Amino acid sequence: DAQTGLTWAAQDNGSDIDWNAAGNYCATLGVGWILPTVAELQGLYDSSGSLTQSCVANATCKVTPAIRLTSLWFWSGEPKGSSEAWGVSLADGTQPSSPVNNVYYWRALCVRRP
């Protein structure tokens, strides 16, 4: 990302994943790969709607098609208490939280900071 200096993975992990496994998945990509912050994920969201892609059946994500997505909900690295974590919907830019053991349609989209 030329504006932020962040390097985004070319695709998400491709299948349902809980929060702890999402963090572990990013670590397997190599040194420096982590789950992004909520703000970093929201920075990918294009509120103008000029950048879009189909991210799951019957849903459109407002994000560059250069990153391959297989869902609309993405984990952040930010916990919400001891049993939940924050995420972002790249379909509408909202910031939902979810139990850390929830896997249903949640994905890991990893980032590396400069």
N, C-alpha and C. Protein backbone atom coordinates (compact mmCIF):
# COMPACT_ATOMS: atom_id res chain seq x y z
N ASP A 1 0.85 -1.18 0.00
CA ASP A 1 0.00 0.00 0.00
C ASP A 1 0.90 1.24 0.00
N ALA A 2 0.90 1.95 -1.10
CA ALA A 2 1.78 3.10 -1.25
C ALA A 2 1.44 4.23 -0.27
N GLN A 3 0.19 4.33 0.15
CA GLN A 3 -0.21 5.40 1.07
C GLN A 3 0.24 5.14 2.50
N THR A 4 0.17 3.89 2.92
CA THR A 4 0.45 3.57 4.33
C THR A 4 1.81 2.90 4.54
N GLY A 5 2.38 2.36 3.48
CA GLY A 5 3.63 1.62 3.60
C GLY A 5 3.43 0.18 4.05
N LEU A 6 2.18 -0.22 4.26
CA LEU A 6 1.89 -1.59 4.68
C LEU A 6 2.00 -2.54 3.49
N THR A 7 2.42 -3.76 3.76
CA THR A 7 2.41 -4.81 2.75
C THR A 7 1.31 -5.79 3.13
N TRP A 8 0.34 -5.95 2.26
CA TRP A 8 -0.77 -6.86 2.51
C TRP A 8 -0.50 -8.19 1.81
N ALA A 9 -0.94 -9.27 2.43
CA ALA A 9 -0.90 -10.57 1.78
C ALA A 9 -1.76 -10.50 0.52
N ALA A 10 -1.41 -11.26 -0.49
CA ALA A 10 -2.14 -11.24 -1.76
C ALA A 10 -3.52 -11.87 -1.65
N GLN A 11 -3.75 -12.63 -0.58
CA GLN A 11 -5.04 -13.29 -0.37
C GLN A 11 -5.22 -13.59 1.10
N ASP A 12 -6.48 -13.83 1.47
CA ASP A 12 -6.74 -14.25 2.85
C ASP A 12 -6.40 -15.73 2.99
N ASN A 13 -6.62 -16.29 4.16
CA ASN A 13 -6.23 -17.69 4.41
C ASN A 13 -7.10 -18.70 3.67
N GLY A 14 -8.27 -18.29 3.16
CA GLY A 14 -9.07 -19.14 2.29
C GLY A 14 -10.10 -20.04 2.93
N SER A 15 -10.18 -20.07 4.26
CA SER A 15 -11.19 -20.91 4.91
C SER A 15 -11.50 -20.37 6.30
N ASP A 16 -12.61 -20.87 6.87
CA ASP A 16 -13.02 -20.44 8.20
C ASP A 16 -11.89 -20.67 9.21
N ILE A 17 -11.69 -19.67 10.09
CA ILE A 17 -10.58 -19.75 11.04
C ILE A 17 -10.93 -18.96 12.30
N ASP A 18 -10.56 -19.49 13.47
CA ASP A 18 -10.80 -18.74 14.70
C ASP A 18 -9.67 -17.75 14.92
N TRP A 19 -9.83 -16.88 15.93
CA TRP A 19 -8.90 -15.77 16.13
C TRP A 19 -7.48 -16.24 16.44
N ASN A 20 -7.32 -17.20 17.34
CA ASN A 20 -5.98 -17.68 17.68
C ASN A 20 -5.30 -18.34 16.48
N ALA A 21 -6.04 -19.14 15.75
CA ALA A 21 -5.47 -19.79 14.57
C ALA A 21 -5.15 -18.75 13.49
N ALA A 22 -5.91 -17.67 13.42
CA ALA A 22 -5.63 -16.60 12.45
C ALA A 22 -4.28 -15.96 12.72
N GLY A 23 -4.00 -15.67 13.98
CA GLY A 23 -2.70 -15.11 14.34
C GLY A 23 -1.58 -16.07 14.03
N ASN A 24 -1.80 -17.35 14.31
CA ASN A 24 -0.79 -18.38 14.01
C ASN A 24 -0.57 -18.50 12.50
N TYR A 25 -1.65 -18.40 11.73
CA TYR A 25 -1.53 -18.48 10.28
C TYR A 25 -0.63 -17.36 9.75
N CYS A 26 -0.86 -16.15 10.22
CA CYS A 26 -0.03 -15.03 9.76
C CYS A 26 1.44 -15.28 10.08
N ALA A 27 1.72 -15.81 11.25
CA ALA A 27 3.10 -16.08 11.64
C ALA A 27 3.77 -17.08 10.71
N THR A 28 3.00 -18.00 10.12
CA THR A 28 3.57 -19.00 9.21
C THR A 28 4.01 -18.38 7.89
N LEU A 29 3.56 -17.15 7.59
CA LEU A 29 3.95 -16.50 6.34
C LEU A 29 5.37 -15.96 6.37
N GLY A 30 5.93 -15.87 7.57
CA GLY A 30 7.31 -15.41 7.69
C GLY A 30 7.45 -14.29 8.71
N VAL A 31 8.64 -13.79 8.82
CA VAL A 31 8.96 -12.77 9.81
C VAL A 31 8.16 -11.50 9.55
N GLY A 32 7.51 -10.99 10.59
CA GLY A 32 6.81 -9.72 10.51
C GLY A 32 5.36 -9.78 10.09
N TRP A 33 4.88 -10.93 9.63
CA TRP A 33 3.48 -11.04 9.22
C TRP A 33 2.60 -11.21 10.46
N ILE A 34 1.58 -10.36 10.58
CA ILE A 34 0.68 -10.36 11.74
C ILE A 34 -0.74 -10.05 11.30
N LEU A 35 -1.69 -10.20 12.23
CA LEU A 35 -3.04 -9.72 11.99
C LEU A 35 -3.02 -8.19 12.09
N PRO A 36 -3.73 -7.50 11.22
CA PRO A 36 -3.73 -6.04 11.23
C PRO A 36 -4.58 -5.48 12.38
N THR A 37 -4.42 -4.19 12.61
CA THR A 37 -5.30 -3.49 13.55
C THR A 37 -6.65 -3.25 12.86
N VAL A 38 -7.63 -2.88 13.65
CA VAL A 38 -8.93 -2.51 13.08
C VAL A 38 -8.75 -1.35 12.11
N ALA A 39 -7.99 -0.34 12.51
CA ALA A 39 -7.77 0.83 11.65
C ALA A 39 -7.11 0.45 10.33
N GLU A 40 -6.15 -0.47 10.38
CA GLU A 40 -5.49 -0.91 9.15
C GLU A 40 -6.47 -1.61 8.22
N LEU A 41 -7.32 -2.49 8.78
CA LEU A 41 -8.32 -3.16 7.96
C LEU A 41 -9.32 -2.15 7.39
N GLN A 42 -9.76 -1.23 8.21
CA GLN A 42 -10.72 -0.24 7.73
C GLN A 42 -10.10 0.65 6.65
N GLY A 43 -8.78 0.79 6.68
CA GLY A 43 -8.09 1.54 5.65
C GLY A 43 -8.17 0.88 4.28
N LEU A 44 -8.40 -0.42 4.24
CA LEU A 44 -8.58 -1.12 2.97
C LEU A 44 -9.96 -0.88 2.38
N TYR A 45 -10.94 -0.59 3.24
CA TYR A 45 -12.33 -0.42 2.82
C TYR A 45 -12.47 0.86 1.98
N ASP A 46 -13.04 0.73 0.80
CA ASP A 46 -13.22 1.86 -0.11
C ASP A 46 -14.67 2.34 -0.02
N SER A 47 -14.90 3.35 0.81
CA SER A 47 -16.26 3.84 1.02
C SER A 47 -16.86 4.45 -0.25
N SER A 48 -16.02 4.84 -1.20
CA SER A 48 -16.55 5.40 -2.45
C SER A 48 -17.22 4.33 -3.31
N GLY A 49 -16.83 3.07 -3.09
CA GLY A 49 -17.39 1.97 -3.85
C GLY A 49 -16.79 1.81 -5.23
N SER A 50 -15.72 2.56 -5.53
CA SER A 50 -15.10 2.42 -6.85
C SER A 50 -14.25 1.15 -6.96
N LEU A 51 -13.77 0.66 -5.82
CA LEU A 51 -13.03 -0.60 -5.79
C LEU A 51 -13.92 -1.66 -5.17
N THR A 52 -14.27 -2.68 -5.94
CA THR A 52 -15.14 -3.74 -5.41
C THR A 52 -14.70 -5.10 -5.94
N GLN A 53 -15.15 -6.12 -5.23
CA GLN A 53 -14.97 -7.49 -5.68
C GLN A 53 -16.00 -8.36 -5.00
N SER A 54 -16.35 -9.46 -5.62
CA SER A 54 -17.21 -10.45 -4.99
C SER A 54 -16.36 -11.17 -3.96
N CYS A 55 -16.81 -11.17 -2.69
CA CYS A 55 -15.99 -11.80 -1.66
C CYS A 55 -16.63 -13.05 -1.08
N VAL A 56 -17.89 -13.25 -1.29
CA VAL A 56 -18.59 -14.46 -0.89
C VAL A 56 -19.93 -14.42 -1.63
N ALA A 57 -20.57 -15.54 -1.79
CA ALA A 57 -21.83 -15.58 -2.54
C ALA A 57 -22.77 -14.47 -2.07
N ASN A 58 -23.26 -13.71 -3.01
CA ASN A 58 -24.23 -12.63 -2.76
C ASN A 58 -23.69 -11.48 -1.92
N ALA A 59 -22.39 -11.32 -1.82
CA ALA A 59 -21.82 -10.19 -1.08
C ALA A 59 -20.69 -9.57 -1.89
N THR A 60 -20.62 -8.25 -1.83
CA THR A 60 -19.56 -7.51 -2.50
C THR A 60 -18.74 -6.80 -1.45
N CYS A 61 -17.44 -6.95 -1.52
CA CYS A 61 -16.54 -6.23 -0.63
C CYS A 61 -16.01 -5.01 -1.36
N LYS A 62 -15.91 -3.91 -0.64
CA LYS A 62 -15.42 -2.66 -1.21
C LYS A 62 -13.95 -2.53 -0.87
N VAL A 63 -13.15 -3.24 -1.65
CA VAL A 63 -11.71 -3.29 -1.46
C VAL A 63 -11.07 -3.64 -2.80
N THR A 64 -9.83 -3.26 -2.97
CA THR A 64 -9.14 -3.53 -4.23
C THR A 64 -9.22 -5.00 -4.62
N PRO A 65 -9.49 -5.28 -5.89
CA PRO A 65 -9.48 -6.67 -6.34
C PRO A 65 -8.08 -7.26 -6.42
N ALA A 66 -7.05 -6.48 -6.12
CA ALA A 66 -5.68 -7.00 -6.11
C ALA A 66 -5.44 -7.96 -4.95
N ILE A 67 -6.30 -7.90 -3.92
CA ILE A 67 -6.22 -8.83 -2.79
C ILE A 67 -7.39 -9.80 -2.91
N ARG A 68 -7.09 -11.08 -3.02
CA ARG A 68 -8.14 -12.11 -3.20
C ARG A 68 -8.80 -12.41 -1.86
N LEU A 69 -10.12 -12.19 -1.81
CA LEU A 69 -10.89 -12.43 -0.58
C LEU A 69 -11.87 -13.57 -0.78
N THR A 70 -12.08 -14.33 0.30
CA THR A 70 -13.04 -15.44 0.25
C THR A 70 -14.14 -15.28 1.30
N SER A 71 -14.21 -14.13 1.94
CA SER A 71 -15.26 -13.84 2.91
C SER A 71 -15.37 -12.33 3.04
N LEU A 72 -16.24 -11.88 3.93
CA LEU A 72 -16.38 -10.45 4.19
C LEU A 72 -15.93 -10.05 5.57
N TRP A 73 -15.74 -11.00 6.50
CA TRP A 73 -15.31 -10.69 7.87
C TRP A 73 -13.86 -11.09 8.08
N PHE A 74 -13.09 -10.16 8.64
CA PHE A 74 -11.66 -10.39 8.84
C PHE A 74 -11.25 -10.03 10.26
N TRP A 75 -10.49 -10.92 10.87
CA TRP A 75 -10.01 -10.71 12.23
C TRP A 75 -8.96 -9.60 12.27
N SER A 76 -9.02 -8.79 13.31
CA SER A 76 -7.91 -7.89 13.62
C SER A 76 -7.07 -8.57 14.69
N GLY A 77 -5.95 -8.00 15.01
CA GLY A 77 -5.13 -8.52 16.10
C GLY A 77 -5.54 -7.96 17.45
N GLU A 78 -6.66 -7.25 17.51
CA GLU A 78 -7.09 -6.56 18.72
C GLU A 78 -8.15 -7.35 19.50
N PRO A 79 -7.80 -7.80 20.71
CA PRO A 79 -8.79 -8.49 21.54
C PRO A 79 -9.82 -7.51 22.08
N LYS A 80 -10.99 -8.04 22.41
CA LYS A 80 -12.03 -7.29 23.11
C LYS A 80 -12.32 -8.09 24.38
N GLY A 81 -11.58 -7.78 25.42
CA GLY A 81 -11.68 -8.59 26.64
C GLY A 81 -10.94 -9.90 26.46
N SER A 82 -11.34 -10.90 27.24
CA SER A 82 -10.62 -12.17 27.22
C SER A 82 -11.23 -13.22 26.30
N SER A 83 -12.46 -13.00 25.84
CA SER A 83 -13.10 -14.04 25.04
C SER A 83 -13.61 -13.57 23.68
N GLU A 84 -13.37 -12.32 23.33
CA GLU A 84 -13.78 -11.80 22.03
C GLU A 84 -12.63 -11.03 21.39
N ALA A 85 -12.76 -10.81 20.08
CA ALA A 85 -11.79 -10.00 19.35
C ALA A 85 -12.54 -9.16 18.33
N TRP A 86 -11.92 -8.05 17.95
CA TRP A 86 -12.50 -7.15 16.96
C TRP A 86 -12.14 -7.61 15.56
N GLY A 87 -13.00 -7.29 14.64
CA GLY A 87 -12.76 -7.54 13.24
C GLY A 87 -13.35 -6.43 12.41
N VAL A 88 -13.31 -6.60 11.11
CA VAL A 88 -13.88 -5.61 10.19
C VAL A 88 -14.60 -6.35 9.07
N SER A 89 -15.76 -5.83 8.70
CA SER A 89 -16.46 -6.31 7.51
C SER A 89 -16.00 -5.45 6.34
N LEU A 90 -15.43 -6.07 5.34
CA LEU A 90 -15.01 -5.32 4.16
C LEU A 90 -16.15 -5.17 3.16
N ALA A 91 -17.35 -5.62 3.54
CA ALA A 91 -18.55 -5.36 2.73
C ALA A 91 -19.15 -4.01 3.08
N ASP A 92 -19.10 -3.64 4.37
CA ASP A 92 -19.73 -2.37 4.77
C ASP A 92 -18.84 -1.50 5.67
N GLY A 93 -17.64 -1.95 5.99
CA GLY A 93 -16.71 -1.15 6.78
C GLY A 93 -16.96 -1.15 8.28
N THR A 94 -17.94 -1.92 8.73
CA THR A 94 -18.25 -1.95 10.16
C THR A 94 -17.19 -2.72 10.95
N GLN A 95 -17.23 -2.53 12.25
CA GLN A 95 -16.25 -3.12 13.17
C GLN A 95 -16.97 -4.04 14.16
N PRO A 96 -17.31 -5.26 13.75
CA PRO A 96 -17.96 -6.18 14.68
C PRO A 96 -16.93 -6.86 15.59
N SER A 97 -17.42 -7.35 16.71
CA SER A 97 -16.59 -8.23 17.53
C SER A 97 -17.23 -9.61 17.49
N SER A 98 -16.44 -10.61 17.83
CA SER A 98 -16.92 -11.98 17.78
C SER A 98 -16.18 -12.80 18.82
N PRO A 99 -16.80 -13.87 19.33
CA PRO A 99 -16.07 -14.76 20.22
C PRO A 99 -14.82 -15.29 19.51
N VAL A 100 -13.71 -15.38 20.23
CA VAL A 100 -12.44 -15.80 19.61
C VAL A 100 -12.50 -17.21 19.04
N ASN A 101 -13.45 -18.03 19.51
CA ASN A 101 -13.55 -19.39 18.99
C ASN A 101 -14.52 -19.51 17.81
N ASN A 102 -15.11 -18.39 17.38
CA ASN A 102 -15.99 -18.40 16.22
C ASN A 102 -15.17 -18.57 14.95
N VAL A 103 -15.61 -19.43 14.07
CA VAL A 103 -14.91 -19.62 12.80
C VAL A 103 -15.78 -19.25 11.61
N TYR A 104 -17.08 -19.18 11.79
CA TYR A 104 -18.03 -19.08 10.69
C TYR A 104 -17.79 -17.84 9.84
N TYR A 105 -17.23 -18.01 8.67
CA TYR A 105 -16.94 -16.97 7.68
C TYR A 105 -15.86 -15.97 8.09
N TRP A 106 -15.18 -16.17 9.19
CA TRP A 106 -14.08 -15.28 9.60
C TRP A 106 -12.79 -15.75 8.93
N ARG A 107 -11.97 -14.78 8.50
CA ARG A 107 -10.73 -15.06 7.79
C ARG A 107 -9.57 -14.27 8.38
N ALA A 108 -8.36 -14.70 8.03
CA ALA A 108 -7.13 -13.97 8.36
C ALA A 108 -6.63 -13.31 7.09
N LEU A 109 -6.45 -12.00 7.16
CA LEU A 109 -5.82 -11.24 6.08
C LEU A 109 -4.62 -10.56 6.72
N CYS A 110 -3.46 -11.04 6.39
CA CYS A 110 -2.24 -10.66 7.12
C CYS A 110 -1.57 -9.43 6.51
N VAL A 111 -0.81 -8.76 7.37
CA VAL A 111 -0.14 -7.53 6.98
C VAL A 111 1.29 -7.55 7.55
N ARG A 112 2.14 -6.80 6.87
CA ARG A 112 3.50 -6.59 7.38
C ARG A 112 3.75 -5.10 7.38
N ARG A 113 4.22 -4.59 8.51
CA ARG A 113 4.48 -3.15 8.65
C ARG A 113 5.90 -2.82 8.23
N PRO A 114 6.10 -1.57 7.77
CA PRO A 114 7.46 -1.18 7.34
C PRO A 114 8.43 -1.14 8.51
